[in-house]
């Protein structure tokens, strides 16, 4: 059977997963209502976090599809996938046009010499302009130095959500087959010219973990045949050779993994039985074979500490609370999460480095759902020295916003070390492009939502390490700290809400040293949220005023990581997210300041 291997790449929310789901429904690979986004977090947030494999059969040909994440924090997932496939479907929203992540993933594919098929999706949107989007994509190809052959890309128009595709805008719209036909036409067969009898050469591009089979690797077979219980050699990136034995081989059918007795060149399979296998290594049957070129994974850009929760409420809600349990969970995460690095040197705290706030927040959210309880410190960007020059990560930020909000955005980002590179005016909206340090973006998202009244779209991508940008003052608010332990009362919160924004509502248990809100003036304020009303029989004017409480600013993990100060911890349990001072009592804080 002929095999075609493709990946679907795009900016976040441009419709990759909807398109993949439509292809699988069309070919009968999955039942109605099944989606590639199988993880609970992915379904809730409506974004893809993990790269996933699927396979469909169409006209006697097997098509392996890899659905990739569109968010910059999961960019390391995309890069590895591109090495294992033969062409990409570049999905672009016909209204928004190419966005930062489109640029990032397209650059990687062009560098590898792939010839993309462009899918202009969401052409049914009211403001969709397929012709303009097509021109913008062509400009982007030229800007990224695509060859003449790559610039002559085939285009298909689609409405992924409804499972429709057409080669020309005025064609009949009935199903997704025009896209599948184009894939068969334009994507070279993966097993063409590959020798199934030669020495086995396969390379893993993704990892998975199974409680019964241990670590598994998704790998592309370049030549030869792989079977269960086969003696193989692992060529590591550092040049070592490790011998091992495969236990099981799985191929993909729809979203399912199916055990097979052998798989040959061109196919994408899951290999079980090699506990030390890692991305980019070479699996071969010849001990002296030259390894395939290694796959580089992007470096982390931010770091923070994971600690055992030691607050007064520790252990009340979590099932796993000890440093040993947290260590084991992080070790398990390292099996599959390649963009993550963990330093296990200390016994009770772990220094974790990741690709961005969302990358870390997703890990923490998964941990709390599994019953873990821990606290984390403020995220800091990773600063490194190169040739005696201090360097830090920089980002390119693209913002689409209604015109009236541009002043506030330019002012706030200017203070945070960002320089405006470009401004394009559309009818009522404006697209701003900025360049600046990742540090300046930490904690900016919530300010951005308020400044644009929720109508702005902000997307960023990591561009590299550049010379240090100097001091940036992030926070212009202070913390409102509880001086007592007990139940917060509506009466005291009513008096406190004029001083700033509260993070808690009435009847919530608080402890001494917990941060219950922020103060708009910028200084720290120690308050008593448990104070009730004096119930004496003395009469006074204004005695029985009605209490009106503003709804609190509920803390989520992401919001907490944005607003946390340097001397605070974010306490995360299965049921609550709290902000607290590292030193709980006023005397301990005074001592620490000295």
Protein backbone atom coordinates (compact mmCIF):
# COMPACT_ATOMS: atom_id res chain seq x y z
CA UNK A 1 0.00 0.00 0.00
CA UNK A 2 1.25 3.50 -0.82
CA UNK A 3 1.86 5.81 2.15
CA UNK A 4 1.67 9.60 2.33
CA UNK A 5 2.92 11.46 5.43
CA UNK A 6 1.65 14.98 6.14
CA UNK A 7 1.57 17.40 9.06
CA UNK A 8 -1.04 20.11 9.57
CA UNK A 9 0.51 23.39 10.73
CA UNK A 10 -1.04 26.79 11.50
CA UNK A 11 -1.34 29.62 13.97
CA UNK A 12 -3.42 28.91 17.08
CA UNK A 13 -7.18 28.80 16.34
CA UNK A 14 -6.93 28.83 12.53
CA UNK A 15 -8.72 25.47 12.29
CA UNK A 16 -6.12 22.66 12.12
CA UNK A 17 -7.95 20.25 14.40
CA UNK A 18 -11.36 20.90 12.81
CA UNK A 19 -9.84 20.11 9.40
CA UNK A 20 -8.20 16.90 10.65
CA UNK A 21 -11.49 15.85 12.28
CA UNK A 22 -13.30 16.49 8.95
CA UNK A 23 -10.77 14.35 7.01
CA UNK A 24 -11.20 11.49 9.48
CA UNK A 25 -15.01 11.64 9.36
CA UNK A 26 -14.97 11.76 5.53
CA UNK A 27 -12.84 8.62 5.30
CA UNK A 28 -14.86 6.82 7.98
CA UNK A 29 -11.83 6.54 10.29
CA UNK A 30 -13.72 7.80 13.36
CA UNK A 31 -17.31 8.04 14.56
CA UNK A 32 -19.29 11.30 14.45
CA UNK A 33 -18.38 13.68 17.27
CA UNK A 34 -14.85 12.28 17.86
CA UNK A 35 -12.11 14.91 17.97
CA UNK A 36 -8.31 14.92 17.78
CA UNK A 37 -8.26 17.13 20.90
CA UNK A 38 -8.67 14.24 23.30
CA UNK A 39 -7.10 15.79 26.39
CA UNK A 40 -9.58 17.42 28.85
CA UNK A 41 -7.52 20.63 29.01
CA UNK A 42 -7.43 20.86 25.20
CA UNK A 43 -11.21 20.58 24.99
CA UNK A 44 -11.76 23.21 27.69
CA UNK A 45 -9.34 25.76 26.22
CA UNK A 46 -10.11 24.97 22.59
CA UNK A 47 -6.40 24.71 21.71
CA UNK A 48 -4.12 21.82 20.75
CA UNK A 49 -1.33 21.25 23.28
CA UNK A 50 0.15 17.91 22.23
CA UNK A 51 1.10 16.78 18.70
CA UNK A 52 -1.02 13.75 17.80
CA UNK A 53 -0.95 11.08 15.11
CA UNK A 54 -3.81 9.70 13.06
CA UNK A 55 -4.02 7.66 9.87
CA UNK A 56 -6.77 7.37 7.26
CA UNK A 57 -7.21 5.27 4.14
CA UNK A 58 -8.37 6.93 0.93
CA UNK A 59 -8.48 5.36 -2.54
CA UNK A 60 -6.21 2.51 -1.42
CA UNK A 61 -3.57 4.88 0.00
CA UNK A 62 -2.68 5.27 3.67
CA UNK A 63 -2.34 8.91 4.76
CA UNK A 64 -0.51 9.49 8.08
CA UNK A 65 -1.57 12.84 9.56
CA UNK A 66 0.15 14.65 12.43
CA UNK A 67 -1.90 17.43 14.04
CA UNK A 68 0.44 19.98 15.64
CA UNK A 69 -0.13 22.68 18.29
CA UNK A 70 -0.38 26.29 17.08
CA UNK A 71 0.68 28.02 20.29
CA UNK A 72 4.25 29.36 20.47
CA UNK A 73 4.83 27.76 23.90
CA UNK A 74 4.46 24.33 22.30
CA UNK A 75 6.69 25.13 19.31
CA UNK A 76 9.10 22.37 20.26
CA UNK A 77 6.28 19.89 19.48
CA UNK A 78 6.03 21.20 15.88
CA UNK A 79 9.70 21.26 14.98
CA UNK A 80 10.27 17.58 15.62
CA UNK A 81 7.22 16.50 13.66
CA UNK A 82 8.32 18.31 10.49
CA UNK A 83 11.37 16.08 10.16
CA UNK A 84 9.27 12.94 9.92
CA UNK A 85 6.82 13.91 7.17
CA UNK A 86 6.98 14.72 3.44
CA UNK A 87 4.68 17.70 3.07
CA UNK A 88 2.67 20.13 5.19
CA UNK A 89 -0.82 21.54 4.97
CA UNK A 90 -0.42 25.19 5.96
CA UNK A 91 -3.82 26.30 7.27
CA UNK A 92 -4.46 30.07 7.17
CA UNK A 93 -7.58 31.86 8.40
CA UNK A 94 -9.00 33.68 5.33
CA UNK A 95 -9.97 36.65 7.53
CA UNK A 96 -6.88 37.06 9.75
CA UNK A 97 -4.23 36.09 7.19
CA UNK A 98 -0.79 34.79 8.28
CA UNK A 99 -0.01 35.33 12.00
CA UNK A 100 3.28 35.03 14.01
CA UNK A 101 2.99 31.29 14.58
CA UNK A 102 2.20 30.74 10.87
CA UNK A 103 5.52 32.40 10.17
CA UNK A 104 7.37 30.31 12.76
CA UNK A 105 6.10 26.92 11.56
CA UNK A 106 6.35 27.83 7.86
CA UNK A 107 9.98 28.95 8.24
CA UNK A 108 10.86 25.59 9.82
CA UNK A 109 9.14 23.67 6.98
CA UNK A 110 10.74 25.74 4.20
CA UNK A 111 14.20 25.28 5.75
CA UNK A 112 13.68 21.51 5.57
CA UNK A 113 12.85 21.82 1.85
CA UNK A 114 9.19 20.77 2.24
CA UNK A 115 6.66 21.96 -0.35
CA UNK A 116 3.56 23.16 1.52
CA UNK A 117 -0.06 22.93 0.35
CA UNK A 118 -1.88 26.11 1.45
CA UNK A 119 -5.41 25.72 2.84
CA UNK A 120 -7.35 28.99 3.13
CA UNK A 121 -9.81 28.04 5.87
CA UNK A 122 -12.91 29.73 7.34
CA UNK A 123 -13.90 31.34 4.02
CA UNK A 124 -17.47 31.58 5.36
CA UNK A 125 -16.48 34.25 7.93
CA UNK A 126 -18.24 37.58 7.24
CA UNK A 127 -14.97 39.49 6.80
CA UNK A 128 -13.06 36.70 5.02
CA UNK A 129 -11.00 37.87 2.04
CA UNK A 130 -9.40 34.78 0.43
CA UNK A 131 -7.70 36.76 -2.38
CA UNK A 132 -5.99 39.11 0.08
CA UNK A 133 -5.02 36.22 2.39
CA UNK A 134 -3.52 34.41 -0.65
CA UNK A 135 -1.38 37.47 -1.49
CA UNK A 136 -0.23 37.79 2.14
CA UNK A 137 0.79 34.11 2.20
CA UNK A 138 2.76 34.54 -1.03
CA UNK A 139 4.52 37.62 0.43
CA UNK A 140 5.37 35.60 3.53
CA UNK A 141 6.86 32.76 1.41
CA UNK A 142 9.07 35.28 -0.43
CA UNK A 143 10.07 37.02 2.79
CA UNK A 144 11.16 33.70 4.30
CA UNK A 145 13.35 32.95 1.26
CA UNK A 146 11.27 30.16 -0.30
CA UNK A 147 12.54 28.66 -3.56
CA UNK A 148 10.61 29.23 -6.82
CA UNK A 149 9.26 25.70 -6.56
CA UNK A 150 8.03 26.29 -2.99
CA UNK A 151 6.45 29.64 -3.97
CA UNK A 152 4.39 27.88 -6.64
CA UNK A 153 2.19 26.31 -3.97
CA UNK A 154 -1.21 24.69 -4.63
CA UNK A 155 -4.13 26.41 -2.84
CA UNK A 156 -7.39 24.93 -1.65
CA UNK A 157 -10.32 26.74 0.01
CA UNK A 158 -12.16 25.17 2.95
CA UNK A 159 -14.70 25.45 5.73
CA UNK A 160 -13.13 22.93 8.09
CA UNK A 161 -15.95 23.03 10.65
CA UNK A 162 -18.52 21.93 8.02
CA UNK A 163 -16.14 19.48 6.30
CA UNK A 164 -16.11 21.30 2.94
CA UNK A 165 -13.22 21.92 0.53
CA UNK A 166 -13.01 23.27 -3.04
CA UNK A 167 -10.23 24.03 -5.52
CA UNK A 168 -11.92 27.22 -6.77
CA UNK A 169 -14.23 29.47 -4.79
CA UNK A 170 -17.14 28.94 -7.20
CA UNK A 171 -16.87 25.11 -7.24
CA UNK A 172 -19.68 22.99 -5.82
CA UNK A 173 -19.31 22.58 -2.04
CA UNK A 174 -20.11 19.04 -1.01
CA UNK A 175 -17.33 17.44 1.06
CA UNK A 176 -13.58 17.37 1.84
CA UNK A 177 -12.54 15.05 -1.06
CA UNK A 178 -10.93 17.84 -3.21
CA UNK A 179 -8.35 18.25 -0.39
CA UNK A 180 -7.71 14.49 -0.17
CA UNK A 181 -7.30 14.28 -3.97
CA UNK A 182 -4.81 17.17 -3.87
CA UNK A 183 -2.80 15.37 -1.14
CA UNK A 184 -2.54 12.25 -3.34
CA UNK A 185 -1.50 14.41 -6.30
CA UNK A 186 1.09 16.64 -4.64
CA UNK A 187 2.61 14.69 -1.72
CA UNK A 188 5.37 12.24 -2.77
CA UNK A 189 4.76 8.61 -1.65
CA UNK A 190 6.77 7.97 1.52
CA UNK A 191 7.74 4.44 0.54
CA UNK A 192 8.74 5.28 -3.04
CA UNK A 193 12.32 4.14 -3.65
CA UNK A 194 12.73 3.07 0.01
CA UNK A 195 14.18 -0.40 0.44
CA UNK A 196 12.19 -2.57 2.84
CA UNK A 197 14.93 -5.23 2.87
CA UNK A 198 17.79 -2.85 3.76
CA UNK A 199 19.20 -2.20 7.24
CA UNK A 200 16.53 -0.69 9.50
CA UNK A 201 16.84 3.11 9.98
CA UNK A 202 14.12 4.83 12.03
CA UNK A 203 14.02 8.09 13.98
CA UNK A 204 11.67 8.97 16.89
CA UNK A 205 10.02 12.41 16.78
CA UNK A 206 7.61 12.13 19.71
CA UNK A 207 7.36 10.27 23.02
CA UNK A 208 4.44 8.71 24.87
CA UNK A 209 4.11 6.86 28.14
CA UNK A 210 2.10 3.73 28.87
CA UNK A 211 1.67 2.35 32.41
CA UNK A 212 2.17 -1.23 31.15
CA UNK A 213 4.66 -0.78 28.32
CA UNK A 214 6.70 2.14 29.74
CA UNK A 215 8.17 4.76 27.44
CA UNK A 216 7.10 4.55 23.81
CA UNK A 217 8.32 6.49 20.79
CA UNK A 218 6.51 7.61 17.65
CA UNK A 219 9.05 7.12 14.87
CA UNK A 220 9.34 7.41 11.10
CA UNK A 221 10.92 4.43 9.34
CA UNK A 222 13.30 5.65 6.61
CA UNK A 223 14.43 2.23 5.38
CA UNK A 224 14.18 -1.43 6.31
CA UNK A 225 11.48 -3.21 8.32
CA UNK A 226 10.77 -3.20 12.07
CA UNK A 227 9.19 -6.12 13.95
CA UNK A 228 8.33 -6.99 17.57
CA UNK A 229 11.09 -8.80 19.56
CA UNK A 230 13.75 -7.52 17.16
CA UNK A 231 17.30 -6.86 18.35
CA UNK A 232 18.11 -3.19 17.60
CA UNK A 233 20.75 -0.54 18.38
CA UNK A 234 20.05 3.00 19.56
CA UNK A 235 22.48 5.64 18.29
CA UNK A 236 22.24 8.53 20.76
CA UNK A 237 22.85 12.19 19.95
CA UNK A 238 26.06 12.12 22.02
CA UNK A 239 27.45 9.28 19.87
CA UNK A 240 26.87 6.30 22.19
CA UNK A 241 25.40 3.02 20.94
CA UNK A 242 22.93 1.18 23.21
CA UNK A 243 21.57 -2.25 22.35
CA UNK A 244 17.93 -3.09 23.04
CA UNK A 245 14.96 -5.16 21.95
CA UNK A 246 11.56 -4.00 20.69
CA UNK A 247 8.57 -5.60 22.45
CA UNK A 248 5.59 -4.30 20.46
CA UNK A 249 5.03 -2.26 17.29
CA UNK A 250 1.86 -0.24 16.77
CA UNK A 251 0.60 1.44 13.59
CA UNK A 252 -2.19 4.04 13.49
CA UNK A 253 -5.72 3.50 12.22
CA UNK A 254 -7.91 6.56 12.71
CA UNK A 255 -6.98 7.70 16.21
CA UNK A 256 -6.41 4.16 17.46
CA UNK A 257 -3.08 2.39 17.94
CA UNK A 258 -3.20 -1.03 16.29
CA UNK A 259 -0.61 -3.73 17.06
CA UNK A 260 1.13 -4.97 13.89
CA UNK A 261 3.51 -7.84 13.15
CA UNK A 262 5.80 -5.63 11.04
CA UNK A 263 6.06 -2.16 9.52
CA UNK A 264 8.30 -1.12 6.65
CA UNK A 265 9.95 1.97 5.17
CA UNK A 266 7.85 5.13 4.90
CA UNK A 267 5.42 4.29 7.71
CA UNK A 268 5.00 6.06 11.08
CA UNK A 269 4.80 3.65 14.04
CA UNK A 270 4.91 3.53 17.86
CA UNK A 271 7.80 1.46 19.23
CA UNK A 272 7.63 -0.08 22.74
CA UNK A 273 10.39 -1.84 24.64
CA UNK A 274 13.25 0.69 24.53
CA UNK A 275 13.17 2.50 27.92
CA UNK A 276 16.02 4.92 27.11
CA UNK A 277 14.82 6.01 23.67
CA UNK A 278 14.81 9.77 23.05
CA UNK A 279 13.79 12.17 20.30
CA UNK A 280 16.18 12.49 17.37
CA UNK A 281 18.10 9.27 18.06
CA UNK A 282 18.49 6.59 15.40
CA UNK A 283 17.04 3.09 15.74
CA UNK A 284 18.95 0.63 13.53
CA UNK A 285 19.81 -3.07 13.18
CA UNK A 286 23.42 -2.31 12.18
CA UNK A 287 25.75 -1.46 15.06
CA UNK A 288 28.11 0.46 12.74
CA UNK A 289 25.47 2.42 10.80
CA UNK A 290 25.90 6.20 10.44
CA UNK A 291 23.16 7.85 12.55
CA UNK A 292 20.52 10.07 10.92
CA UNK A 293 20.93 13.87 11.46
CA UNK A 294 19.85 14.75 15.03
CA UNK A 295 16.73 16.81 15.74
CA UNK A 296 17.38 19.98 17.76
CA UNK A 297 14.72 21.08 20.27
CA UNK A 298 14.23 24.76 21.17
CA UNK A 299 15.75 25.91 24.46
CA UNK A 300 13.50 26.92 27.42
CA UNK A 301 13.02 30.67 27.98
CA UNK A 302 11.59 30.95 31.52
CA UNK A 303 12.28 29.20 34.84
CA UNK A 304 10.70 28.97 38.29
CA UNK A 305 10.90 26.83 41.46
CA UNK A 306 8.43 24.07 42.38
CA UNK A 307 8.32 23.64 46.19
CA UNK A 308 6.49 21.52 48.74
CA UNK A 309 3.45 23.41 50.02
CA UNK A 310 4.15 24.61 53.59
CA UNK A 311 1.25 27.03 54.11
CA UNK A 312 -1.06 26.72 57.16
CA UNK A 313 -3.62 25.00 54.91
CA UNK A 314 -1.10 22.47 53.50
CA UNK A 315 -2.30 18.90 53.02
CA UNK A 316 -6.01 19.67 53.44
CA UNK A 317 -6.99 19.20 49.79
CA UNK A 318 -4.14 17.39 48.01
CA UNK A 319 -3.48 13.67 47.79
CA UNK A 320 0.22 13.95 46.78
CA UNK A 321 2.04 16.52 48.91
CA UNK A 322 5.59 15.30 49.60
CA UNK A 323 8.75 16.29 47.72
CA UNK A 324 9.28 12.63 46.73
CA UNK A 325 5.86 12.51 45.04
CA UNK A 326 6.42 15.82 43.25
CA UNK A 327 9.87 14.59 42.11
CA UNK A 328 8.39 11.35 40.72
CA UNK A 329 5.67 13.27 38.86
CA UNK A 330 8.24 15.64 37.29
CA UNK A 331 10.45 12.69 36.30
CA UNK A 332 7.43 11.10 34.59
CA UNK A 333 6.67 14.41 32.81
CA UNK A 334 10.25 14.56 31.48
CA UNK A 335 9.63 11.19 29.78
CA UNK A 336 7.27 12.89 27.32
CA UNK A 337 7.58 16.68 27.66
CA UNK A 338 10.66 17.61 25.66
CA UNK A 339 10.49 21.39 26.04
CA UNK A 340 10.84 20.99 29.84
CA UNK A 341 14.04 20.88 31.90
CA UNK A 342 14.17 20.10 35.64
CA UNK A 343 17.08 20.49 38.06
CA UNK A 344 16.75 17.89 40.86
CA UNK A 345 19.78 19.04 42.90
CA UNK A 346 17.88 20.29 45.95
CA UNK A 347 15.85 17.93 48.15
CA UNK A 348 12.73 20.05 48.67
CA UNK A 349 12.59 22.42 45.67
CA UNK A 350 12.94 21.77 41.94
CA UNK A 351 14.11 24.35 39.41
CA UNK A 352 11.85 23.92 36.36
CA UNK A 353 12.52 25.60 32.99
CA UNK A 354 9.92 25.77 30.22
CA UNK A 355 9.01 27.45 26.94
CA UNK A 356 6.63 30.06 28.38
CA UNK A 357 3.95 30.82 30.94
CA UNK A 358 1.33 28.68 29.20
CA UNK A 359 3.69 25.70 28.94
CA UNK A 360 4.27 25.78 32.73
CA UNK A 361 0.60 26.56 33.52
CA UNK A 362 -0.60 23.51 31.57
CA UNK A 363 1.80 21.26 33.50
CA UNK A 364 0.61 22.73 36.84
CA UNK A 365 -3.06 22.40 35.82
CA UNK A 366 -2.53 18.72 34.92
CA UNK A 367 -0.75 18.11 38.23
CA UNK A 368 -3.47 19.70 40.37
CA UNK A 369 -6.14 17.63 38.55
CA UNK A 370 -4.20 14.50 39.44
CA UNK A 371 -4.32 15.48 43.14
CA UNK A 372 -0.93 17.17 43.58
CA UNK A 373 -0.46 20.09 45.94
CA UNK A 374 2.57 22.39 45.67
CA UNK A 375 3.69 26.01 45.51
CA UNK A 376 5.72 27.83 42.87
CA UNK A 377 7.85 30.95 42.81
CA UNK A 378 7.67 33.90 40.41
CA UNK A 379 8.68 32.93 36.83
CA UNK A 380 11.97 34.53 35.74
CA UNK A 381 13.40 34.65 32.24
CA UNK A 382 16.56 32.64 31.61
CA UNK A 383 19.52 34.98 31.17
CA UNK A 384 22.73 33.59 29.74
CA UNK A 385 26.20 34.90 28.92
CA UNK A 386 27.70 34.61 25.46
CA UNK A 387 31.24 35.97 24.88
CA UNK A 388 30.93 38.08 28.03
CA UNK A 389 27.64 39.67 26.88
CA UNK A 390 24.54 39.21 29.04
CA UNK A 391 21.68 37.97 26.82
CA UNK A 392 17.97 37.37 27.37
CA UNK A 393 15.09 35.94 25.27
CA UNK A 394 13.28 38.36 22.93
CA UNK A 395 9.82 38.06 21.35
CA UNK A 396 8.01 39.40 18.33
CA UNK A 397 4.48 40.46 19.29
CA UNK A 398 1.64 41.04 16.82
CA UNK A 399 -1.51 42.75 18.09
CA UNK A 400 -4.83 43.24 16.27
CA UNK A 401 -6.97 45.79 18.06
CA UNK A 402 -9.71 48.38 17.43
CA UNK A 403 -8.03 51.70 16.56
CA UNK A 404 -9.12 53.55 19.73
CA UNK A 405 -7.04 51.28 22.02
CA UNK A 406 -3.69 51.56 20.20
CA UNK A 407 -2.42 54.47 22.33
CA UNK A 408 -2.74 52.56 25.61
CA UNK A 409 -1.05 49.47 24.11
CA UNK A 410 1.91 51.42 22.67
CA UNK A 411 2.38 53.27 25.97
CA UNK A 412 2.23 50.15 28.20
CA UNK A 413 4.52 48.06 25.97
CA UNK A 414 6.95 50.97 25.60
CA UNK A 415 7.47 51.03 29.37
CA UNK A 416 8.12 47.27 29.24
CA UNK A 417 11.03 47.61 26.79
CA UNK A 418 9.16 46.95 23.53
CA UNK A 419 9.86 48.86 20.31
CA UNK A 420 7.17 49.22 17.67
CA UNK A 421 8.31 47.85 14.30
CA UNK A 422 5.22 48.28 12.17
CA UNK A 423 1.67 49.67 12.14
CA UNK A 424 -0.88 48.68 9.48
CA UNK A 425 -4.25 50.44 9.49
CA UNK A 426 -7.35 48.49 8.37
CA UNK A 427 -10.84 50.03 8.33
CA UNK A 428 -11.64 50.04 12.05
CA UNK A 429 -8.74 47.96 13.36
CA UNK A 430 -4.99 48.31 13.42
CA UNK A 431 -2.23 45.65 13.40
CA UNK A 432 0.80 46.57 15.55
CA UNK A 433 4.11 44.68 15.47
CA UNK A 434 6.53 45.00 18.42
CA UNK A 435 9.93 43.58 19.29
CA UNK A 436 11.15 43.33 22.87
CA UNK A 437 12.28 41.17 25.83
CA UNK A 438 10.18 38.21 27.03
CA UNK A 439 10.47 39.71 30.54
CA UNK A 440 8.29 42.61 29.42
CA UNK A 441 5.47 40.24 28.42
CA UNK A 442 5.31 38.45 31.79
CA UNK A 443 2.13 39.69 33.44
CA UNK A 444 1.03 41.84 30.49
CA UNK A 445 -1.83 39.67 29.18
CA UNK A 446 -4.38 40.63 31.86
CA UNK A 447 -3.54 44.35 31.42
CA UNK A 448 -3.98 43.92 27.65
CA UNK A 449 -7.45 42.39 28.06
CA UNK A 450 -8.56 45.33 30.23
CA UNK A 451 -6.98 47.95 27.92
CA UNK A 452 -8.69 46.54 24.80
CA UNK A 453 -11.98 45.68 26.60
CA UNK A 454 -11.43 42.07 25.50
CA UNK A 455 -11.49 42.96 21.79
CA UNK A 456 -7.74 42.71 21.07
CA UNK A 457 -5.85 39.64 19.82
CA UNK A 458 -2.25 39.28 21.02
CA UNK A 459 0.13 36.64 19.69
CA UNK A 460 3.85 36.33 20.20
CA UNK A 461 6.75 34.16 19.08
CA UNK A 462 10.24 33.68 20.49
CA UNK A 463 12.87 35.14 18.13
CA UNK A 464 16.13 34.42 19.95
CA UNK A 465 18.54 35.61 22.64
CA UNK A 466 19.61 39.27 22.37
CA UNK A 467 21.61 41.65 24.61
CA UNK A 468 19.98 42.39 27.99
CA UNK A 469 17.44 45.25 27.80
CA UNK A 470 18.00 46.81 31.23
CA UNK A 471 15.57 47.18 34.12
CA UNK A 472 11.82 46.88 33.51
CA UNK A 473 9.34 47.89 36.19
CA UNK A 474 6.45 45.45 35.99
CA UNK A 475 4.13 45.94 38.86
CA UNK A 476 2.57 49.23 39.78
CA UNK A 477 0.23 47.66 42.35
CA UNK A 478 1.04 46.45 45.85
CA UNK A 479 -0.24 43.44 47.81
CA UNK A 480 -3.09 43.43 50.33
CA UNK A 481 -2.00 40.90 52.97
CA UNK A 482 -4.19 39.26 55.61
CA UNK A 483 -2.98 39.72 59.21
CA UNK A 484 -5.39 37.12 60.64
CA UNK A 485 -6.45 33.51 60.11
CA UNK A 486 -10.16 32.76 59.86
CA UNK A 487 -13.18 33.27 57.64
CA UNK A 488 -13.30 36.44 55.50
CA UNK A 489 -16.45 38.45 56.22
CA UNK A 490 -18.47 40.54 53.77
CA UNK A 491 -18.44 43.53 56.15
CA UNK A 492 -14.64 43.89 56.21
CA UNK A 493 -14.26 43.10 52.47
CA UNK A 494 -16.81 45.85 51.74
CA UNK A 495 -14.50 48.36 53.43
CA UNK A 496 -11.39 46.94 51.73
CA UNK A 497 -12.64 46.86 48.14
CA UNK A 498 -12.19 50.65 47.79
CA UNK A 499 -8.43 50.23 48.25
CA UNK A 500 -7.82 47.90 45.29
CA UNK A 501 -8.94 44.63 43.67
CA UNK A 502 -9.88 41.66 45.87
CA UNK A 503 -8.95 38.06 44.95
CA UNK A 504 -11.40 36.47 47.45
CA UNK A 505 -15.10 36.67 48.21
CA UNK A 506 -16.93 36.46 51.57
CA UNK A 507 -16.95 33.24 53.66
CA UNK A 508 -13.56 32.12 52.25
CA UNK A 509 -11.02 30.72 54.74
CA UNK A 510 -7.82 32.82 54.82
CA UNK A 511 -4.57 32.60 56.78
CA UNK A 512 -2.04 35.13 58.06
CA UNK A 513 0.34 36.12 55.25
CA UNK A 514 -2.10 35.23 52.42
CA UNK A 515 -2.40 37.88 49.68
CA UNK A 516 -6.13 38.60 49.40
CA UNK A 517 -5.98 41.42 46.84
CA UNK A 518 -3.88 44.23 45.41
CA UNK A 519 -3.68 47.90 46.36
CA UNK A 520 -3.99 50.45 43.59
CA UNK A 521 -1.56 52.88 45.28
CA UNK A 522 1.32 50.42 44.94
CA UNK A 523 2.36 49.96 48.59
CA UNK A 524 1.86 46.82 50.67
CA UNK A 525 -1.03 46.93 53.11
CA UNK A 526 -1.67 44.55 56.01
CA UNK A 527 -5.42 44.18 56.63
CA UNK A 528 -7.89 42.13 58.67
CA UNK A 529 -10.51 40.53 56.40
CA UNK A 530 -12.06 38.57 59.31
CA UNK A 531 -13.29 41.61 61.25
CA UNK A 532 -17.06 41.59 61.80
CA UNK A 533 -19.46 44.42 62.53
CA UNK A 534 -19.69 45.73 66.11
CA UNK A 535 -23.03 44.36 67.31
CA UNK A 536 -23.52 46.66 70.36
CA UNK A 537 -26.84 48.24 71.22
CA UNK A 538 -25.42 51.76 70.73
CA UNK A 539 -27.14 53.57 67.89
CA UNK A 540 -25.14 55.36 65.27
CA UNK A 541 -25.99 57.02 61.95
CA UNK A 542 -25.35 54.87 58.92
CA UNK A 543 -25.60 51.77 61.05
CA UNK A 544 -27.45 49.45 58.74
CA UNK A 545 -26.16 50.36 55.32
CA UNK A 546 -26.54 47.66 52.68
CA UNK A 547 -23.28 45.94 51.72
CA UNK A 548 -22.46 45.90 48.00
CA UNK A 549 -19.51 43.70 47.10
CA UNK A 550 -17.77 43.82 43.72
CA UNK A 551 -17.20 40.24 42.41
CA UNK A 552 -13.59 39.19 43.20
CA UNK A 553 -10.86 38.77 40.57
CA UNK A 554 -10.72 34.95 40.76
CA UNK A 555 -7.19 33.57 40.67
CA UNK A 556 -6.39 30.90 38.09
CA UNK A 557 -2.91 29.42 37.65
CA UNK A 558 -2.17 31.67 34.66
CA UNK A 559 -3.43 34.83 36.37
CA UNK A 560 -1.44 33.90 39.47
CA UNK A 561 1.78 33.45 37.45
CA UNK A 562 1.17 36.88 35.88
CA UNK A 563 0.55 38.90 39.09
CA UNK A 564 2.87 37.13 41.55
CA UNK A 565 5.59 39.34 43.12
CA UNK A 566 9.18 38.33 43.77
CA UNK A 567 8.69 37.70 47.51
CA UNK A 568 5.52 35.62 47.01
CA UNK A 569 4.56 32.02 46.25
CA UNK A 570 1.58 30.74 44.29
CA UNK A 571 -0.03 27.91 46.26
CA UNK A 572 -1.76 25.37 43.99
CA UNK A 573 -4.04 22.62 45.32
CA UNK A 574 -6.68 20.47 43.57
CA UNK A 575 -9.42 22.89 44.71
CA UNK A 576 -7.78 26.30 45.24
CA UNK A 577 -5.18 28.70 43.89
CA UNK A 578 -3.90 31.13 46.53
CA UNK A 579 -1.24 33.81 46.56
CA UNK A 580 0.88 34.14 49.71
CA UNK A 581 3.96 35.89 51.02
CA UNK A 582 7.08 33.71 51.35
CA UNK A 583 7.35 34.94 54.96
CA UNK A 584 3.91 34.79 56.52
CA UNK A 585 4.27 37.06 59.59
CA UNK A 586 5.04 40.76 59.59
CA UNK A 587 8.13 40.22 61.82
CA UNK A 588 9.52 37.49 59.53
CA UNK A 589 9.10 39.82 56.53
CA UNK A 590 10.83 42.69 58.32
CA UNK A 591 13.69 40.35 59.24
CA UNK A 592 14.03 39.15 55.62
CA UNK A 593 14.11 42.76 54.35
CA UNK A 594 16.96 43.55 56.73
